[in-house]
C-alpha atoms as a PDB file:
ATOM      1  CA  UNK A   1     -14.125 -12.826  -6.509  1.00  0.00           C
ATOM      2  CA  UNK A   2     -17.092 -12.165  -5.264  1.00  0.00           C
ATOM      3  CA  UNK A   3     -19.943 -10.502  -7.712  1.00  0.00           C
ATOM      4  CA  UNK A   4     -21.137  -7.608  -7.255  1.00  0.00           C
ATOM      5  CA  UNK A   5     -24.761  -8.010  -7.302  1.00  0.00           C
ATOM      6  CA  UNK A   6     -27.668  -8.415  -4.877  1.00  0.00           C
ATOM      7  CA  UNK A   7     -25.695 -11.655  -3.342  1.00  0.00           C
ATOM      8  CA  UNK A   8     -22.653  -9.706  -2.343  1.00  0.00           C
ATOM      9  CA  UNK A   9     -22.464 -10.471   1.665  1.00  0.00           C
ATOM     10  CA  UNK A  10     -22.096  -6.841   2.639  1.00  0.00           C
ATOM     11  CA  UNK A  11     -23.011  -7.393   6.483  1.00  0.00           C
ATOM     12  CA  UNK A  12     -20.398  -9.912   6.673  1.00  0.00           C
ATOM     13  CA  UNK A  13     -18.079  -7.159   4.956  1.00  0.00           C
ATOM     14  CA  UNK A  14     -18.888  -4.855   7.163  1.00  0.00           C
ATOM     15  CA  UNK A  15     -18.618  -7.103  10.239  1.00  0.00           C
ATOM     16  CA  UNK A  16     -15.372  -7.997   9.489  1.00  0.00           C
ATOM     17  CA  UNK A  17     -13.895  -4.260   9.196  1.00  0.00           C
ATOM     18  CA  UNK A  18     -15.585  -3.542  12.586  1.00  0.00           C
ATOM     19  CA  UNK A  19     -13.821  -6.693  13.757  1.00  0.00           C
ATOM     20  CA  UNK A  20     -10.394  -5.372  12.571  1.00  0.00           C
ATOM     21  CA  UNK A  21     -10.850  -1.937  13.820  1.00  0.00           C
ATOM     22  CA  UNK A  22     -11.825  -3.299  17.312  1.00  0.00           C
ATOM     23  CA  UNK A  23      -8.690  -4.930  17.101  1.00  0.00           C
ATOM     24  CA  UNK A  24      -6.558  -1.830  16.614  1.00  0.00           C
ATOM     25  CA  UNK A  25      -6.209  -2.184  12.934  1.00  0.00           C
ATOM     26  CA  UNK A  26      -6.936  -0.456   9.748  1.00  0.00           C
ATOM     27  CA  UNK A  27      -8.575  -1.503   6.682  1.00  0.00           C
ATOM     28  CA  UNK A  28      -7.717  -1.189   3.074  1.00  0.00           C
ATOM     29  CA  UNK A  29     -10.926  -0.597   1.071  1.00  0.00           C
ATOM     30  CA  UNK A  30     -11.600   0.397  -2.874  1.00  0.00           C
ATOM     31  CA  UNK A  31     -14.516   2.784  -3.197  1.00  0.00           C
ATOM     32  CA  UNK A  32     -16.124   3.726  -6.286  1.00  0.00           C
ATOM     33  CA  UNK A  33     -15.770   7.454  -6.815  1.00  0.00           C
ATOM     34  CA  UNK A  34     -16.125   8.887 -10.192  1.00  0.00           C
ATOM     35  CA  UNK A  35     -12.898   8.132 -10.776  1.00  0.00           C
ATOM     36  CA  UNK A  36     -12.746   4.801 -10.543  1.00  0.00           C
ATOM     37  CA  UNK A  37     -11.862   2.633  -7.225  1.00  0.00           C
ATOM     38  CA  UNK A  38      -9.236   4.690  -5.609  1.00  0.00           C
ATOM     39  CA  UNK A  39      -8.004   3.111  -2.532  1.00  0.00           C
ATOM     40  CA  UNK A  40      -8.724   4.321   0.829  1.00  0.00           C
ATOM     41  CA  UNK A  41      -7.857   3.339   4.522  1.00  0.00           C
ATOM     42  CA  UNK A  42     -10.760   2.857   7.023  1.00  0.00           C
ATOM     43  CA  UNK A  43      -9.399   4.426  10.394  1.00  0.00           C
ATOM     44  CA  UNK A  44     -12.709   4.332  12.620  1.00  0.00           C
ATOM     45  CA  UNK A  45     -16.437   3.747  13.239  1.00  0.00           C
ATOM     46  CA  UNK A  46     -17.887   6.644  14.227  1.00  0.00           C
ATOM     47  CA  UNK A  47     -21.133   6.286  17.143  1.00  0.00           C
ATOM     48  CA  UNK A  48     -24.142   5.911  14.282  1.00  0.00           C
ATOM     49  CA  UNK A  49     -21.800   3.267  12.743  1.00  0.00           C
ATOM     50  CA  UNK A  50     -20.667   4.872   9.920  1.00  0.00           C
ATOM     51  CA  UNK A  51     -17.141   4.110   8.242  1.00  0.00           C
ATOM     52  CA  UNK A  52     -15.030   6.928   8.117  1.00  0.00           C
ATOM     53  CA  UNK A  53     -12.143   6.397   5.609  1.00  0.00           C
ATOM     54  CA  UNK A  54      -9.072   8.475   4.204  1.00  0.00           C
ATOM     55  CA  UNK A  55      -6.711   8.399   1.087  1.00  0.00           C
ATOM     56  CA  UNK A  56      -4.380  11.236  -0.309  1.00  0.00           C
ATOM     57  CA  UNK A  57      -4.414  12.810  -3.880  1.00  0.00           C
ATOM     58  CA  UNK A  58      -1.496  14.178  -4.499  1.00  0.00           C
ATOM     59  CA  UNK A  59      -0.934  17.020  -1.280  1.00  0.00           C
ATOM     60  CA  UNK A  60      -4.645  16.794  -0.377  1.00  0.00           C
ATOM     61  CA  UNK A  61      -6.226  14.120   2.202  1.00  0.00           C
ATOM     62  CA  UNK A  62      -9.713  12.710   1.118  1.00  0.00           C
ATOM     63  CA  UNK A  63     -11.883  11.678   3.776  1.00  0.00           C
ATOM     64  CA  UNK A  64     -15.080   9.995   3.211  1.00  0.00           C
ATOM     65  CA  UNK A  65     -17.727   9.766   6.046  1.00  0.00           C
ATOM     66  CA  UNK A  66     -20.375   7.854   4.555  1.00  0.00           C
ATOM     67  CA  UNK A  67     -17.986   4.516   3.148  1.00  0.00           C
ATOM     68  CA  UNK A  68     -20.842   2.059   3.973  1.00  0.00           C
ATOM     69  CA  UNK A  69     -23.391   4.123   1.645  1.00  0.00           C
ATOM     70  CA  UNK A  70     -20.722   3.767  -1.391  1.00  0.00           C
ATOM     71  CA  UNK A  71     -19.718   0.216  -0.290  1.00  0.00           C
ATOM     72  CA  UNK A  72     -23.698  -0.490  -0.723  1.00  0.00           C
ATOM     73  CA  UNK A  73     -23.969   1.770  -3.892  1.00  0.00           C
ATOM     74  CA  UNK A  74     -21.329  -0.590  -5.623  1.00  0.00           C
ATOM     75  CA  UNK A  75     -23.103  -3.814  -4.530  1.00  0.00           C
ATOM     76  CA  UNK A  76     -19.638  -4.455  -2.568  1.00  0.00           C
ATOM     77  CA  UNK A  77     -16.273  -4.028  -2.880  1.00  0.00           C
ATOM     78  CA  UNK A  78     -12.579  -5.793  -1.981  1.00  0.00           C
ATOM     79  CA  UNK A  79     -10.789  -5.173   1.108  1.00  0.00           C
ATOM     80  CA  UNK A  80      -7.711  -5.847   2.476  1.00  0.00           C
ATOM     81  CA  UNK A  81      -6.446  -6.858   6.209  1.00  0.00           C
ATOM     82  CA  UNK A  82      -3.667  -7.524   7.772  1.00  0.00           C
ATOM     83  CA  UNK A  83      -1.814  -9.689  10.783  1.00  0.00           C
ATOM     84  CA  UNK A  84       1.666  -9.074  12.169  1.00  0.00           C
ATOM     85  CA  UNK A  85       4.020 -11.905  13.540  1.00  0.00           C
ATOM     86  CA  UNK A  86       5.235 -11.418  17.235  1.00  0.00           C
ATOM     87  CA  UNK A  87       8.898 -10.291  17.165  1.00  0.00           C
ATOM     88  CA  UNK A  88       8.442  -8.253  13.829  1.00  0.00           C
END
């Protein structure tokens, strides 16, 4: 686990997310909000470079359009990426 301070490699994290999105995948991300660190799915990148992330809260869909800002304010976060095996 990397420390959440000024040394966190945020640019590298954003590059990883961009790479995954370009390959057609989504990225699982924890975002620090008032109620803790809920899990979101990074769905797309906007033309201005921001990430749009979604989550569910009961029957409500949460849409975050300032994902990068939240990650920067938190001095980083964790993400999960995945790969698939051919034939599965």
